[in-house]
Amino acid sequence: MKALHIITGLGVGGAEQQLRLLLRHLPVASEVVTLTNPGPVADGLTADGVRVTHLGMAGNRDLAALPRLARHIRHGRYDLVHTHLYRACLYGRIAARLAGVRAVVATEHSLGDSQMEGRPLTAGVRTLYLLGERLGRSTVAVSPTVAARLARWGVPEPRIAVVPNGIDLARFAFDPDARRRTRDRLGLPADAFVIGGVGRLIPGKRFDLLIRALARLPAGCRLLLVGGGPEEPALRRAAREAGVAGRVLFAGERPYLPDGSSGPALPALAAAMDVLAAPSPEEAFGLAVVEALAAGLPVRYTSCPALEDLPPGAAPHAVRVPCDAGAYARALAEVRAAGPGPRTAPEAARHYCVTRSAARLMDVYTAALARTVPPSRSPEGVIPS
């Protein structure tokens, strides 16, 4: 089987890094087209031996990119096309049809109740999405929660398959040496209580709430924000206004896998943390939460379908907190008072092992090529424990 993955961009983001990780575990000859922004993940894919083509799309309405993409698909003689993120799903499905490829799979990474990929949902976005969806064979939801949202939108349930995001458990396993080295490199005191926040710096992630919570905590507490985005200037300003600018560290975008760039990768940063706080009120999966659990961290979160779709008790050290600065300050103070616990991964993290996600995706590919629909599975059945 020869597959082409089409994605909107390859900057450091959850969907982009998930694609790179999955390609390491899929037994399929794969190539990638990025419509825009090759970015660091493109470099990582190339280092992994994956051919990456930059289409050079100028914007959402660059219709000239469509025939270029169709020609690329036709010349590549791909058996299957897999699209990722809204713009790539729309253009990729149409181009695949123009090129004569009928086995088209799309993954919906970031569909919330009121937003998609951090942007407000509109009637026009939904209409275009549903029109494009009909051109594919299967739409992959990263959680049963997203599957239910797609069904409410009008996507026929037999066309929806649940393939959760996967994580590399071994890579996130706690390493005390990495914790010490990373803290030294970042200038974090060995005895500091470090609160982690991981994700795009956009308003919907509500990292401003963590800054306000930090201002209510003792001076020995630090906030380590991992990610980049347009909200960074506003967050820096909020930290200054709250009087905690010296206690907030912006680590920038960090890769999931080492890529030869300066600075530690995400697993080393997780090792340096004492707790992960995820105040976003709306998520499609909650990858940062699951990765933190794999690193053995206690987690305080507001929305995480990856946990909410599992049986109770799968993540005993993950506690839901209202999206409120005072509530987070109290919850984080309780974690600090309890002291460090064993840094072992709970069942919830093991449930999302990337090898299992890759195996489930292969089921979807096989069904798409055979012109059949994959069987519906419960959250427990998606990845057997």
Protein backbone atom coordinates (compact mmCIF):
# COMPACT_ATOMS: atom_id res chain seq x y z
CA MET A 1 0.00 0.00 0.00
CA LYS A 2 1.20 3.50 -0.84
CA ALA A 3 -0.43 6.37 1.04
CA LEU A 4 -0.28 10.15 0.78
CA HIS A 5 -0.94 12.26 3.86
CA ILE A 6 -2.11 15.82 3.22
CA ILE A 7 -1.95 18.30 6.09
CA THR A 8 -2.54 22.04 6.32
CA GLY A 9 0.88 22.82 7.82
CA LEU A 10 3.79 21.19 9.63
CA GLY A 11 4.57 23.60 12.43
CA VAL A 12 4.88 22.25 15.97
CA GLY A 13 1.31 21.31 16.90
CA GLY A 14 -0.56 18.31 18.24
CA ALA A 15 -1.96 17.07 14.92
CA GLU A 16 1.34 17.63 13.13
CA GLN A 17 3.42 15.79 15.72
CA GLN A 18 0.82 13.04 15.93
CA LEU A 19 1.20 12.48 12.18
CA ARG A 20 4.97 12.10 12.52
CA LEU A 21 4.60 9.66 15.40
CA LEU A 22 1.99 7.56 13.58
CA LEU A 23 4.09 7.31 10.43
CA ARG A 24 6.83 5.74 12.52
CA HIS A 25 4.44 2.91 13.40
CA LEU A 26 2.33 2.42 10.25
CA PRO A 27 3.43 -0.48 8.01
CA VAL A 28 2.66 1.63 4.93
CA ALA A 29 4.86 3.41 2.40
CA SER A 30 3.88 7.00 3.14
CA GLU A 31 4.59 10.46 1.76
CA VAL A 32 3.37 13.84 3.00
CA VAL A 33 2.14 17.02 1.32
CA THR A 34 1.89 20.16 3.44
CA LEU A 35 -0.26 22.92 1.98
CA THR A 36 1.57 25.67 3.90
CA ASN A 37 4.35 26.24 6.45
CA PRO A 38 6.70 23.25 6.25
CA GLY A 39 7.98 24.06 9.76
CA PRO A 40 10.00 21.93 12.19
CA VAL A 41 7.83 18.83 11.88
CA ALA A 42 8.59 18.71 8.14
CA ASP A 43 12.30 18.61 9.03
CA GLY A 44 11.62 15.80 11.48
CA LEU A 45 9.67 13.78 8.91
CA THR A 46 12.47 14.24 6.38
CA ALA A 47 14.97 13.03 8.99
CA ASP A 48 12.75 9.96 9.46
CA GLY A 49 13.05 9.23 5.72
CA VAL A 50 9.57 10.46 4.75
CA ARG A 51 9.30 12.48 1.56
CA VAL A 52 7.66 15.85 2.25
CA THR A 53 6.36 18.17 -0.49
CA HIS A 54 5.44 21.78 0.18
CA LEU A 55 2.53 22.79 -2.06
CA GLY A 56 3.04 26.52 -1.40
CA MET A 57 -0.63 27.37 -0.92
CA ALA A 58 -1.11 31.12 -0.49
CA GLY A 59 -4.32 31.10 1.56
CA ASN A 60 -7.72 29.54 2.11
CA ARG A 61 -8.96 30.75 -1.28
CA ASP A 62 -5.91 29.80 -3.34
CA LEU A 63 -7.88 27.66 -5.80
CA ALA A 64 -4.84 27.35 -8.06
CA ALA A 65 -3.44 24.94 -5.48
CA LEU A 66 -6.19 22.44 -6.24
CA PRO A 67 -5.01 21.31 -9.71
CA ARG A 68 -1.41 21.25 -8.45
CA LEU A 69 -2.43 18.93 -5.66
CA ALA A 70 -4.49 16.74 -8.00
CA ARG A 71 -1.50 16.40 -10.35
CA HIS A 72 0.75 15.43 -7.46
CA ILE A 73 -1.69 12.72 -6.37
CA ARG A 74 -2.10 11.43 -9.91
CA HIS A 75 1.64 11.26 -10.59
CA GLY A 76 2.31 9.57 -7.23
CA ARG A 77 -0.05 6.67 -8.01
CA TYR A 78 -1.20 6.48 -4.40
CA ASP A 79 -3.60 3.78 -3.25
CA LEU A 80 -5.00 5.91 -0.45
CA VAL A 81 -5.10 9.58 0.55
CA HIS A 82 -5.34 10.58 4.22
CA THR A 83 -6.10 14.21 5.04
CA HIS A 84 -5.53 16.10 8.30
CA LEU A 85 -6.98 19.45 9.52
CA TYR A 86 -9.79 21.46 7.99
CA ARG A 87 -8.20 23.11 4.95
CA ALA A 88 -6.31 19.98 3.95
CA CYS A 89 -9.45 17.88 4.36
CA LEU A 90 -11.43 20.16 2.08
CA TYR A 91 -8.82 20.55 -0.68
CA GLY A 92 -7.38 17.06 -0.28
CA ARG A 93 -10.68 15.23 -0.70
CA ILE A 94 -11.53 17.20 -3.85
CA ALA A 95 -8.03 16.75 -5.32
CA ALA A 96 -8.06 13.02 -4.60
CA ARG A 97 -11.35 12.65 -6.46
CA LEU A 98 -10.02 14.67 -9.40
CA ALA A 99 -6.97 12.39 -9.45
CA GLY A 100 -9.11 9.26 -9.46
CA VAL A 101 -8.35 8.08 -5.91
CA ARG A 102 -11.49 6.91 -4.15
CA ALA A 103 -9.96 5.52 -0.95
CA VAL A 104 -9.88 8.77 1.01
CA VAL A 105 -9.68 8.94 4.82
CA ALA A 106 -9.77 12.15 6.85
CA THR A 107 -8.88 12.63 10.51
CA GLU A 108 -10.79 15.21 12.52
CA HIS A 109 -8.24 16.30 15.12
CA SER A 110 -9.74 19.46 16.59
CA LEU A 111 -13.52 19.62 16.47
CA GLY A 112 -15.11 21.18 19.55
CA ASP A 113 -18.70 22.12 20.28
CA SER A 114 -18.15 25.75 19.36
CA GLN A 115 -14.78 25.87 17.59
CA MET A 116 -12.57 24.00 15.18
CA GLU A 117 -8.79 24.27 15.35
CA GLY A 118 -9.13 27.21 17.74
CA ARG A 119 -11.47 29.20 15.48
CA PRO A 120 -15.20 29.80 15.98
CA LEU A 121 -17.47 27.47 14.05
CA THR A 122 -19.78 29.12 11.54
CA ALA A 123 -22.59 27.83 9.35
CA GLY A 124 -20.35 28.26 6.29
CA VAL A 125 -17.54 26.19 7.80
CA ARG A 126 -19.96 23.42 8.70
CA THR A 127 -21.58 23.41 5.25
CA LEU A 128 -18.24 23.18 3.44
CA TYR A 129 -17.08 20.47 5.82
CA LEU A 130 -20.15 18.30 5.19
CA LEU A 131 -19.93 18.78 1.41
CA GLY A 132 -16.28 17.71 1.44
CA GLU A 133 -16.90 14.81 3.81
CA ARG A 134 -19.11 13.10 1.21
CA LEU A 135 -16.09 12.78 -1.10
CA GLY A 136 -14.26 10.48 1.30
CA ARG A 137 -14.83 6.95 2.52
CA SER A 138 -14.25 7.38 6.24
CA THR A 139 -13.86 10.19 8.77
CA VAL A 140 -11.65 9.40 11.74
CA ALA A 141 -12.52 10.95 15.10
CA VAL A 142 -9.78 11.12 17.73
CA SER A 143 -12.25 10.35 20.53
CA PRO A 144 -15.81 9.07 20.95
CA THR A 145 -16.69 12.62 22.02
CA VAL A 146 -15.60 13.94 18.61
CA ALA A 147 -17.43 11.06 16.91
CA ALA A 148 -20.64 12.14 18.64
CA ARG A 149 -20.06 15.75 17.54
CA LEU A 150 -19.60 14.64 13.93
CA ALA A 151 -22.80 12.61 14.08
CA ARG A 152 -24.70 15.62 15.43
CA TRP A 153 -23.33 17.65 12.50
CA GLY A 154 -24.87 15.18 10.10
CA VAL A 155 -21.98 12.87 9.20
CA PRO A 156 -23.51 9.37 8.83
CA GLU A 157 -22.44 7.26 11.79
CA PRO A 158 -21.32 4.26 9.64
CA ARG A 159 -18.75 6.57 8.02
CA ILE A 160 -17.20 7.54 11.38
CA ALA A 161 -14.35 5.54 12.88
CA VAL A 162 -12.75 6.25 16.25
CA VAL A 163 -8.95 6.13 16.28
CA PRO A 164 -7.60 7.86 19.39
CA ASN A 165 -4.36 9.81 19.36
CA GLY A 166 -1.41 7.69 20.37
CA ILE A 167 1.54 8.32 22.64
CA ASP A 168 5.01 6.79 22.91
CA LEU A 169 4.97 5.51 26.48
CA ALA A 170 8.68 4.72 26.61
CA ARG A 171 9.65 8.20 25.49
CA PHE A 172 7.60 9.86 28.25
CA ALA A 173 8.70 7.50 31.05
CA PHE A 174 10.02 9.59 33.94
CA ASP A 175 13.78 10.10 33.97
CA PRO A 176 15.21 11.82 37.09
CA ASP A 177 18.42 12.69 35.25
CA ALA A 178 16.43 14.41 32.49
CA ARG A 179 14.51 16.31 35.19
CA ARG A 180 17.74 17.61 36.74
CA ARG A 181 19.37 18.48 33.41
CA THR A 182 16.26 20.23 32.09
CA ARG A 183 15.77 22.31 35.22
CA ASP A 184 19.42 23.34 35.15
CA ARG A 185 19.13 24.30 31.50
CA LEU A 186 15.98 26.36 32.06
CA GLY A 187 17.24 28.00 35.24
CA LEU A 188 14.54 26.41 37.40
CA PRO A 189 15.53 25.84 41.05
CA ALA A 190 15.74 22.21 42.09
CA ASP A 191 13.24 22.79 44.91
CA ALA A 192 10.74 24.88 42.89
CA PHE A 193 7.21 23.58 42.46
CA VAL A 194 6.78 23.69 38.68
CA ILE A 195 3.32 23.91 37.14
CA GLY A 196 3.26 22.92 33.47
CA GLY A 197 0.99 24.17 30.72
CA VAL A 198 1.33 22.63 27.26
CA GLY A 199 -0.40 23.73 24.06
CA ARG A 200 -0.84 26.47 21.50
CA LEU A 201 -0.78 29.93 23.05
CA ILE A 202 -4.25 30.92 21.91
CA PRO A 203 -7.17 32.37 23.91
CA GLY A 204 -9.11 29.09 23.99
CA LYS A 205 -6.40 27.33 26.00
CA ARG A 206 -6.97 29.80 28.89
CA PHE A 207 -3.35 29.95 30.04
CA ASP A 208 -4.14 33.46 31.32
CA LEU A 209 -6.08 31.71 34.06
CA LEU A 210 -2.93 29.85 35.16
CA ILE A 211 -1.04 33.13 35.43
CA ARG A 212 -3.74 34.52 37.73
CA ALA A 213 -3.68 31.29 39.74
CA LEU A 214 0.12 31.51 40.06
CA ALA A 215 -0.21 34.97 41.61
CA ARG A 216 -2.16 33.36 44.48
CA LEU A 217 0.50 30.71 45.13
CA PRO A 218 3.75 30.98 47.14
CA ALA A 219 6.88 32.50 45.60
CA GLY A 220 8.49 29.06 45.26
CA CYS A 221 5.98 28.10 42.54
CA ARG A 222 6.81 28.51 38.86
CA LEU A 223 4.75 28.26 35.67
CA LEU A 224 6.37 26.59 32.65
CA LEU A 225 4.40 27.24 29.43
CA VAL A 226 5.34 25.03 26.50
CA GLY A 227 4.05 26.18 23.12
CA GLY A 228 3.92 29.12 20.77
CA GLY A 229 1.16 31.22 19.34
CA PRO A 230 -0.43 34.66 18.95
CA GLU A 231 -1.42 34.95 22.60
CA GLU A 232 2.18 35.04 23.90
CA PRO A 233 2.47 38.88 24.08
CA ALA A 234 -0.82 39.10 25.97
CA LEU A 235 0.26 36.36 28.36
CA ARG A 236 3.59 38.08 29.03
CA ARG A 237 1.70 41.30 29.71
CA ALA A 238 -0.68 39.48 32.06
CA ALA A 239 2.28 38.03 33.96
CA ARG A 240 3.79 41.50 34.41
CA GLU A 241 0.50 42.96 35.56
CA ALA A 242 0.03 40.10 38.04
CA GLY A 243 3.54 40.63 39.42
CA VAL A 244 4.74 37.13 38.47
CA ALA A 245 6.73 37.80 35.29
CA GLY A 246 9.87 36.40 36.93
CA ARG A 247 8.06 33.19 37.82
CA VAL A 248 6.65 32.41 34.35
CA LEU A 249 8.91 30.70 31.84
CA PHE A 250 7.94 30.60 28.16
CA ALA A 251 9.70 27.57 26.66
CA GLY A 252 8.36 28.11 23.13
CA GLU A 253 7.35 25.40 20.69
CA ARG A 254 9.02 22.15 21.58
CA PRO A 255 8.97 18.95 19.49
CA TYR A 256 7.55 15.68 20.72
CA LEU A 257 10.57 13.87 19.28
CA PRO A 258 14.15 15.18 19.33
CA ASP A 259 14.88 17.03 16.08
CA GLY A 260 18.41 18.32 16.59
CA SER A 261 17.26 21.83 17.46
CA SER A 262 18.36 23.66 20.58
CA GLY A 263 16.41 23.08 23.76
CA PRO A 264 14.85 20.00 25.35
CA ALA A 265 12.05 18.05 23.70
CA LEU A 266 8.60 17.75 25.27
CA PRO A 267 9.22 14.55 27.33
CA ALA A 268 12.23 16.18 29.06
CA LEU A 269 10.13 19.25 29.84
CA ALA A 270 7.41 17.02 31.30
CA ALA A 271 10.05 15.42 33.53
CA ALA A 272 10.92 18.88 34.88
CA MET A 273 7.30 19.58 35.92
CA ASP A 274 5.53 18.66 39.16
CA VAL A 275 1.97 18.93 37.85
CA LEU A 276 0.24 19.63 34.54
CA ALA A 277 -2.60 22.15 34.48
CA ALA A 278 -4.94 22.16 31.47
CA PRO A 279 -7.67 24.81 31.91
CA SER A 280 -9.03 24.73 28.34
CA PRO A 281 -12.83 24.34 28.59
CA GLU A 282 -13.18 22.63 25.21
CA GLU A 283 -10.95 19.90 23.77
CA ALA A 284 -11.27 17.23 21.10
CA PHE A 285 -8.97 14.76 22.85
CA GLY A 286 -6.62 16.27 25.45
CA LEU A 287 -3.27 14.99 24.21
CA ALA A 288 -1.22 17.11 26.63
CA VAL A 289 -3.09 15.55 29.54
CA VAL A 290 -2.45 12.00 28.37
CA GLU A 291 1.23 12.74 27.71
CA ALA A 292 1.53 14.18 31.23
CA LEU A 293 -0.02 11.04 32.67
CA ALA A 294 2.49 8.96 30.70
CA ALA A 295 5.21 11.02 32.42
CA GLY A 296 3.70 10.11 35.80
CA LEU A 297 2.48 13.63 36.53
CA PRO A 298 -0.61 14.52 38.54
CA VAL A 299 -3.00 16.44 36.30
CA ARG A 300 -5.60 19.10 36.94
CA TYR A 301 -7.80 19.68 33.89
CA THR A 302 -11.08 21.20 32.77
CA SER A 303 -11.82 19.25 29.57
CA CYS A 304 -10.27 15.99 28.39
CA PRO A 305 -12.42 13.61 26.31
CA ALA A 306 -9.55 11.11 26.34
CA LEU A 307 -10.21 10.61 30.07
CA GLU A 308 -13.93 11.25 30.08
CA ASP A 309 -14.41 8.46 27.52
CA LEU A 310 -12.67 5.90 29.79
CA PRO A 311 -14.03 3.99 32.78
CA PRO A 312 -13.71 5.72 36.19
CA GLY A 313 -10.45 5.01 37.96
CA ALA A 314 -8.29 4.79 34.83
CA ALA A 315 -6.42 7.95 35.87
CA PRO A 316 -6.65 8.35 39.66
CA HIS A 317 -4.27 11.34 39.76
CA ALA A 318 -6.20 13.35 37.17
CA VAL A 319 -8.80 15.65 38.72
CA ARG A 320 -11.29 17.84 36.93
CA VAL A 321 -11.25 21.52 37.96
CA PRO A 322 -13.66 24.32 36.96
CA CYS A 323 -12.30 26.87 34.49
CA ASP A 324 -11.62 29.45 37.20
CA ALA A 325 -8.39 30.99 38.51
CA GLY A 326 -9.35 30.56 42.15
CA ALA A 327 -10.30 26.91 41.65
CA TYR A 328 -6.99 26.21 39.93
CA ALA A 329 -5.01 28.02 42.65
CA ARG A 330 -6.66 25.85 45.31
CA ALA A 331 -6.23 22.64 43.32
CA LEU A 332 -2.55 23.32 42.60
CA ALA A 333 -1.89 24.26 46.23
CA GLU A 334 -3.33 20.89 47.25
CA VAL A 335 -1.00 19.06 44.85
CA ARG A 336 1.97 20.99 46.25
CA ALA A 337 0.97 20.23 49.84
CA ALA A 338 0.62 16.51 49.09
CA GLY A 339 4.24 16.32 47.96
CA PRO A 340 5.71 14.24 45.13
CA GLY A 341 4.33 10.81 44.43
CA PRO A 342 5.61 7.93 42.30
CA ARG A 343 6.10 8.96 38.66
CA THR A 344 4.43 5.95 37.08
CA ALA A 345 1.98 5.91 34.17
CA PRO A 346 -1.63 4.95 35.00
CA GLU A 347 -3.85 2.68 32.92
CA ALA A 348 -5.27 5.69 31.05
CA ALA A 349 -1.85 6.40 29.51
CA ARG A 350 -1.21 2.77 28.60
CA HIS A 351 -4.65 2.67 26.98
CA TYR A 352 -3.43 5.15 24.34
CA CYS A 353 -0.22 3.42 23.27
CA VAL A 354 0.62 4.54 19.71
CA THR A 355 1.10 0.99 18.42
CA ARG A 356 -2.55 0.25 19.19
CA SER A 357 -3.69 3.44 17.50
CA ALA A 358 -1.66 2.55 14.41
CA ALA A 359 -3.23 -0.92 14.31
CA ARG A 360 -6.73 0.58 14.49
CA LEU A 361 -5.90 3.03 11.70
CA MET A 362 -4.77 0.12 9.53
CA ASP A 363 -8.25 -1.38 10.01
CA VAL A 364 -9.71 1.87 8.66
CA TYR A 365 -7.33 1.83 5.68
CA THR A 366 -8.18 -1.77 4.86
CA ALA A 367 -11.90 -1.01 4.98
CA ALA A 368 -11.48 2.10 2.79
CA LEU A 369 -9.57 0.15 0.16
CA ALA A 370 -12.13 -2.65 0.25
CA ARG A 371 -15.02 -0.17 -0.08
CA THR A 372 -16.46 -1.33 3.23
CA VAL A 373 -17.21 0.49 6.45
CA PRO A 374 -15.20 -0.36 9.59
CA PRO A 375 -17.24 -1.76 12.49
CA SER A 376 -18.38 0.60 15.21
CA ARG A 377 -16.54 0.14 18.48
CA SER A 378 -17.08 1.32 22.03
CA PRO A 379 -14.41 3.44 23.76
CA GLU A 380 -13.12 0.30 25.48
CA GLY A 381 -13.15 -1.66 22.23
CA VAL A 382 -11.22 0.93 20.25
CA ILE A 383 -8.01 0.01 22.03
CA PRO A 384 -8.33 -3.11 24.17
CA SER A 385 -6.66 -2.90 27.55
